[in-house]
Amino acid sequence: MKRILTSIAVISLITCGVASAADLQIKAPPAPVYSWTGFYVGVNAGYAWADADATSTFSCPSLSFPTPIGCALSNPVTLASISAIASGNFNASGFIGGIQTGYNLQIGSVVLGIELDFNAFNLTGSRTNTAVAEGPAFRTVSPSASIETDWLFTARGRLGWTVAPTLLLYATGGLALTEIRVANSFPTPPELVAVGQVHEGSSSQKHERIGYVVGGGLEWALNRHWTLKGEYLFLDFRSIETTAEVRSLIAAPNSFTTSVDVNAHIARLGINYKF
């Protein structure tokens, strides 16, 4: 009997030891939680579109001289009408793509960061409005305005919240810098062409403009080093203007000034490598 009890005890100890060893193998240490802290670099590409608001003034500067000299188009009603015809909204659109770099610091579920990016920013757009100008003489005018951009630089802060350990929802905002080219044109009205008169002019100006940028996005950590993001940005820039001298063979030149305000929108995808 004692031999049987001893055997049972030994078997029980062996069974418990095997079970404990199995538990130790199954209960492996938990996987480390993903951290957003660190430097990163990446690339992005997307689509940009803009709302441009053109305000034009068509005038006859020589009328303010001590001895007024008339322009080919000098009636006040006609000048005001052409100014209205040449003013209005138009759209621009194009590709955007480039590189970015930044740094994130995670504090609990909050992620603070800063990001710099430089992009090809190929916005192009124009408007031409053909209408009959009011006034004593019949004039069909077709003034036009256009904008172009080539590049974009932004410096932005980021404030994010980890909705999941590897999923970051963030807002962003800061400064934007670009170069905008604005142009205008006033071709000879058909009625003046018919009588052999020339009355036309065009101009363009290109200037760097500083504005602001705000937006937000969602970033997903694919693994320890690679993340994928999608974001939307809104940009607002100061206006830029250009003035054309609209010359005539038989009268003093008219002045044609166009000022354009530009608001741009960007939707893009990006991929980052985190060090």
Protein backbone atom coordinates (compact mmCIF):
# COMPACT_ATOMS: atom_id res chain seq x y z
CA MET A 1 0.00 0.00 0.00
CA LYS A 2 2.79 2.40 0.92
CA ARG A 3 4.48 1.57 -2.37
CA ILE A 4 1.30 2.47 -4.27
CA LEU A 5 0.87 5.78 -2.40
CA THR A 6 4.52 6.65 -3.00
CA SER A 7 4.13 5.98 -6.73
CA ILE A 8 1.01 8.16 -6.91
CA ALA A 9 2.84 11.02 -5.17
CA VAL A 10 5.79 10.79 -7.53
CA ILE A 11 3.52 10.80 -10.60
CA SER A 12 1.65 13.85 -9.25
CA LEU A 13 4.89 15.79 -8.72
CA ILE A 14 6.07 14.94 -12.23
CA THR A 15 2.70 15.99 -13.73
CA CYS A 16 2.73 19.30 -11.85
CA GLY A 17 6.30 19.96 -12.99
CA VAL A 18 5.42 19.32 -16.62
CA ALA A 19 2.33 21.56 -16.37
CA SER A 20 4.37 24.35 -14.77
CA ALA A 21 6.98 24.11 -17.51
CA ALA A 22 4.25 24.26 -20.14
CA ASP A 23 2.78 27.35 -18.48
CA LEU A 24 6.20 29.02 -18.51
CA GLN A 25 6.51 28.36 -22.25
CA ILE A 26 2.99 29.62 -23.06
CA LYS A 27 3.22 32.78 -20.95
CA ALA A 28 5.86 34.53 -23.10
CA PRO A 29 6.68 38.20 -22.31
CA PRO A 30 4.20 40.68 -23.89
CA ALA A 31 5.18 42.37 -27.17
CA PRO A 32 6.47 45.95 -26.72
CA VAL A 33 3.93 48.76 -27.34
CA TYR A 34 4.64 50.81 -30.50
CA SER A 35 6.22 54.22 -29.84
CA TRP A 36 5.83 57.20 -32.18
CA THR A 37 8.83 58.98 -30.68
CA GLY A 38 11.70 59.57 -33.10
CA PHE A 39 12.95 61.23 -36.29
CA TYR A 40 11.55 60.29 -39.70
CA VAL A 41 11.92 61.06 -43.41
CA GLY A 42 9.55 60.29 -46.25
CA VAL A 43 7.94 61.13 -49.57
CA ASN A 44 4.45 62.26 -50.57
CA ALA A 45 2.28 62.76 -53.66
CA GLY A 46 -1.23 64.02 -54.29
CA TYR A 47 -3.53 66.54 -55.91
CA ALA A 48 -3.84 70.29 -55.36
CA TRP A 49 -6.61 72.67 -56.34
CA ALA A 50 -7.09 76.40 -55.74
CA ASP A 51 -9.75 79.08 -55.62
CA ALA A 52 -8.46 82.31 -57.19
CA ASP A 53 -10.29 85.64 -56.89
CA ALA A 54 -9.24 88.24 -59.47
CA THR A 55 -9.96 91.94 -58.95
CA SER A 56 -9.14 94.13 -61.95
CA THR A 57 -9.04 97.87 -62.56
CA PHE A 58 -9.04 99.26 -66.09
CA SER A 59 -8.25 102.98 -66.12
CA CYS A 60 -6.92 105.90 -68.13
CA PRO A 61 -4.07 107.41 -66.03
CA SER A 62 -3.51 110.30 -68.44
CA LEU A 63 -6.90 111.78 -67.52
CA SER A 64 -5.35 112.88 -64.22
CA PHE A 65 -2.66 114.97 -65.94
CA PRO A 66 -2.95 118.78 -65.68
CA THR A 67 -3.75 118.70 -69.40
CA PRO A 68 -5.80 115.50 -69.85
CA ILE A 69 -5.01 113.37 -72.86
CA GLY A 70 -7.65 110.85 -73.78
CA CYS A 71 -7.07 107.10 -74.11
CA ALA A 72 -8.57 104.90 -76.79
CA LEU A 73 -10.95 103.76 -74.04
CA SER A 74 -11.54 106.67 -71.70
CA ASN A 75 -15.25 106.99 -70.96
CA PRO A 76 -15.77 106.42 -67.17
CA VAL A 77 -18.73 104.10 -67.78
CA THR A 78 -16.68 102.02 -70.23
CA LEU A 79 -13.71 101.84 -67.85
CA ALA A 80 -15.89 100.68 -64.95
CA SER A 81 -17.60 98.11 -67.18
CA ILE A 82 -14.29 96.63 -68.39
CA SER A 83 -13.05 96.47 -64.78
CA ALA A 84 -16.12 94.44 -63.82
CA ILE A 85 -15.80 92.15 -66.86
CA ALA A 86 -12.15 91.46 -66.01
CA SER A 87 -12.90 90.61 -62.34
CA GLY A 88 -14.15 87.29 -61.01
CA ASN A 89 -13.31 83.86 -59.64
CA PHE A 90 -11.54 81.00 -61.39
CA ASN A 91 -10.03 77.63 -60.48
CA ALA A 92 -6.54 76.17 -60.72
CA SER A 93 -5.33 72.62 -60.17
CA GLY A 94 -2.32 70.36 -60.54
CA PHE A 95 0.03 67.74 -59.11
CA ILE A 96 1.90 68.02 -55.82
CA GLY A 97 4.70 65.74 -54.66
CA GLY A 98 7.88 65.94 -52.65
CA ILE A 99 9.76 65.02 -49.48
CA GLN A 100 9.22 65.56 -45.77
CA THR A 101 11.13 65.15 -42.51
CA GLY A 102 10.15 65.59 -38.90
CA TYR A 103 10.29 64.50 -35.27
CA ASN A 104 7.60 63.11 -32.96
CA LEU A 105 7.50 62.92 -29.17
CA GLN A 106 4.91 60.62 -27.61
CA ILE A 107 3.61 61.35 -24.10
CA GLY A 108 1.02 58.76 -23.20
CA SER A 109 -1.64 58.87 -25.90
CA VAL A 110 -0.56 62.36 -27.06
CA VAL A 111 1.98 62.83 -29.85
CA LEU A 112 3.69 66.21 -30.37
CA GLY A 113 5.71 66.83 -33.50
CA ILE A 114 7.16 69.18 -36.07
CA GLU A 115 7.38 68.57 -39.83
CA LEU A 116 9.11 70.29 -42.75
CA ASP A 117 8.32 69.50 -46.38
CA PHE A 118 9.35 70.71 -49.82
CA ASN A 119 7.20 69.92 -52.84
CA ALA A 120 6.74 70.40 -56.54
CA PHE A 121 3.50 72.43 -56.58
CA ASN A 122 2.20 72.69 -60.15
CA LEU A 123 -0.96 74.78 -59.92
CA THR A 124 -2.19 76.37 -63.15
CA GLY A 125 -5.45 78.15 -63.91
CA SER A 126 -6.90 81.02 -65.93
CA ARG A 127 -10.09 82.88 -66.83
CA THR A 128 -11.13 84.80 -69.96
CA ASN A 129 -14.40 86.69 -70.02
CA THR A 130 -15.76 88.02 -73.30
CA ALA A 131 -18.50 90.63 -73.04
CA VAL A 132 -19.68 93.93 -74.49
CA ALA A 133 -18.50 96.86 -72.39
CA GLU A 134 -21.02 99.54 -71.54
CA GLY A 135 -20.56 103.08 -72.80
CA PRO A 136 -21.12 105.28 -75.84
CA ALA A 137 -19.08 103.08 -78.20
CA PHE A 138 -19.65 99.42 -78.99
CA ARG A 139 -16.67 97.42 -77.66
CA THR A 140 -16.38 93.64 -77.28
CA VAL A 141 -13.57 92.99 -74.79
CA SER A 142 -11.92 89.71 -73.70
CA PRO A 143 -9.67 90.41 -70.68
CA SER A 144 -7.94 87.43 -69.10
CA ALA A 145 -6.06 86.54 -65.91
CA SER A 146 -3.99 83.50 -64.90
CA ILE A 147 -1.87 82.08 -62.07
CA GLU A 148 0.93 79.51 -61.87
CA THR A 149 2.98 78.02 -59.02
CA ASP A 150 6.10 75.82 -59.12
CA TRP A 151 7.05 74.84 -55.57
CA LEU A 152 5.83 74.84 -51.98
CA PHE A 153 7.60 74.74 -48.60
CA THR A 154 5.80 74.32 -45.27
CA ALA A 155 6.96 74.28 -41.63
CA ARG A 156 4.22 72.85 -39.42
CA GLY A 157 3.56 71.70 -35.90
CA ARG A 158 1.60 68.48 -35.33
CA LEU A 159 -0.67 67.49 -32.43
CA GLY A 160 -1.86 63.91 -32.49
CA TRP A 161 -3.83 61.33 -30.51
CA THR A 162 -3.25 57.58 -30.71
CA VAL A 163 -6.73 56.15 -31.31
CA ALA A 164 -4.89 52.80 -31.34
CA PRO A 165 -1.21 52.08 -30.53
CA THR A 166 -0.32 52.05 -34.24
CA LEU A 167 -2.95 54.55 -35.50
CA LEU A 168 -2.41 58.30 -35.09
CA LEU A 169 -5.04 60.99 -35.70
CA TYR A 170 -3.47 64.45 -35.92
CA ALA A 171 -4.04 68.14 -36.60
CA THR A 172 -1.33 70.30 -38.17
CA GLY A 173 -0.65 73.97 -38.87
CA GLY A 174 2.09 76.50 -39.53
CA LEU A 175 3.74 78.59 -42.25
CA ALA A 176 3.66 78.07 -46.01
CA LEU A 177 5.97 79.63 -48.61
CA THR A 178 5.52 79.52 -52.39
CA GLU A 179 6.16 81.52 -55.55
CA ILE A 180 3.12 82.67 -57.51
CA ARG A 181 3.10 84.04 -61.05
CA VAL A 182 0.09 86.16 -61.99
CA ALA A 183 -0.53 87.43 -65.52
CA ASN A 184 -3.18 89.46 -67.32
CA SER A 185 -3.92 90.27 -70.93
CA PHE A 186 -6.14 92.66 -72.87
CA PRO A 187 -6.35 91.87 -76.59
CA THR A 188 -7.48 94.42 -79.16
CA PRO A 189 -11.29 94.62 -79.32
CA PRO A 190 -12.57 93.29 -82.66
CA GLU A 191 -14.25 96.63 -83.46
CA LEU A 192 -10.86 98.40 -83.25
CA VAL A 193 -9.17 95.72 -85.36
CA ALA A 194 -11.79 96.32 -88.06
CA VAL A 195 -10.73 99.97 -88.38
CA GLY A 196 -7.01 99.25 -88.25
CA GLN A 197 -6.40 100.35 -84.66
CA VAL A 198 -4.23 98.49 -82.12
CA HIS A 199 -5.17 98.58 -78.47
CA GLU A 200 -3.68 95.72 -76.49
CA GLY A 201 -1.31 94.85 -73.67
CA SER A 202 -0.23 92.12 -71.26
CA SER A 203 1.93 91.74 -68.17
CA SER A 204 3.06 89.21 -65.56
CA GLN A 205 4.67 89.26 -62.13
CA LYS A 206 6.24 86.48 -60.06
CA HIS A 207 6.77 86.91 -56.32
CA GLU A 208 7.34 84.72 -53.27
CA ARG A 209 4.41 84.71 -50.89
CA ILE A 210 4.23 83.65 -47.23
CA GLY A 211 0.91 82.33 -45.96
CA TYR A 212 -0.49 79.93 -43.41
CA VAL A 213 -1.42 76.26 -43.63
CA VAL A 214 -3.80 74.18 -41.49
CA GLY A 215 -5.10 70.64 -41.85
CA GLY A 216 -5.14 67.15 -40.45
CA GLY A 217 -4.56 63.51 -41.24
CA LEU A 218 -4.35 59.90 -40.22
CA GLU A 219 -1.07 57.94 -39.94
CA TRP A 220 -0.74 54.16 -39.60
CA ALA A 221 2.38 52.35 -38.41
CA LEU A 222 2.94 49.38 -40.72
CA ASN A 223 5.80 48.06 -38.58
CA ARG A 224 8.59 49.37 -36.35
CA HIS A 225 10.07 51.61 -39.07
CA TRP A 226 7.48 52.30 -41.78
CA THR A 227 4.32 54.43 -41.54
CA LEU A 228 1.67 55.37 -44.11
CA LYS A 229 -0.33 58.63 -43.92
CA GLY A 230 -3.11 60.47 -45.66
CA GLU A 231 -3.72 64.17 -45.06
CA TYR A 232 -5.59 67.30 -46.15
CA LEU A 233 -4.11 70.81 -46.03
CA PHE A 234 -5.62 74.26 -46.60
CA LEU A 235 -3.31 77.14 -47.58
CA ASP A 236 -3.99 80.88 -47.77
CA PHE A 237 -1.58 83.34 -49.39
CA ARG A 238 -1.45 87.11 -49.67
CA SER A 239 -2.61 88.65 -52.95
CA ILE A 240 -0.27 89.34 -55.86
CA GLU A 241 -0.87 91.85 -58.65
CA THR A 242 0.37 92.82 -62.07
CA THR A 243 -0.22 95.89 -64.25
CA ALA A 244 -0.28 95.97 -68.05
CA GLU A 245 0.11 99.08 -70.17
CA VAL A 246 -2.55 98.80 -72.88
CA ARG A 247 -1.15 100.83 -75.75
CA SER A 248 -2.84 102.40 -78.73
CA LEU A 249 -1.43 103.85 -81.94
CA ILE A 250 -3.62 106.94 -81.78
CA ALA A 251 -4.09 107.71 -78.05
CA ALA A 252 -2.54 107.56 -74.59
CA PRO A 253 -2.21 104.08 -73.01
CA ASN A 254 -4.74 102.59 -70.64
CA SER A 255 -3.66 100.88 -67.40
CA PHE A 256 -4.90 97.34 -66.65
CA THR A 257 -4.17 96.11 -63.09
CA THR A 258 -5.18 92.66 -61.85
CA SER A 259 -4.83 91.50 -58.23
CA VAL A 260 -5.38 87.81 -57.37
CA ASP A 261 -6.01 86.21 -53.97
CA VAL A 262 -5.21 82.48 -53.83
CA ASN A 263 -6.55 79.80 -51.46
CA ALA A 264 -5.22 76.29 -52.13
CA HIS A 265 -6.28 72.81 -51.03
CA ILE A 266 -4.10 69.68 -50.94
CA ALA A 267 -5.05 66.01 -50.57
CA ARG A 268 -2.09 63.63 -50.51
CA LEU A 269 -0.64 60.31 -49.36
CA GLY A 270 2.79 59.86 -47.83
CA ILE A 271 5.10 57.16 -46.54
CA ASN A 272 7.71 57.69 -43.80
CA TYR A 273 10.71 55.79 -42.47
CA LYS A 274 11.13 56.22 -38.70
CA PHE A 275 14.64 55.83 -37.29
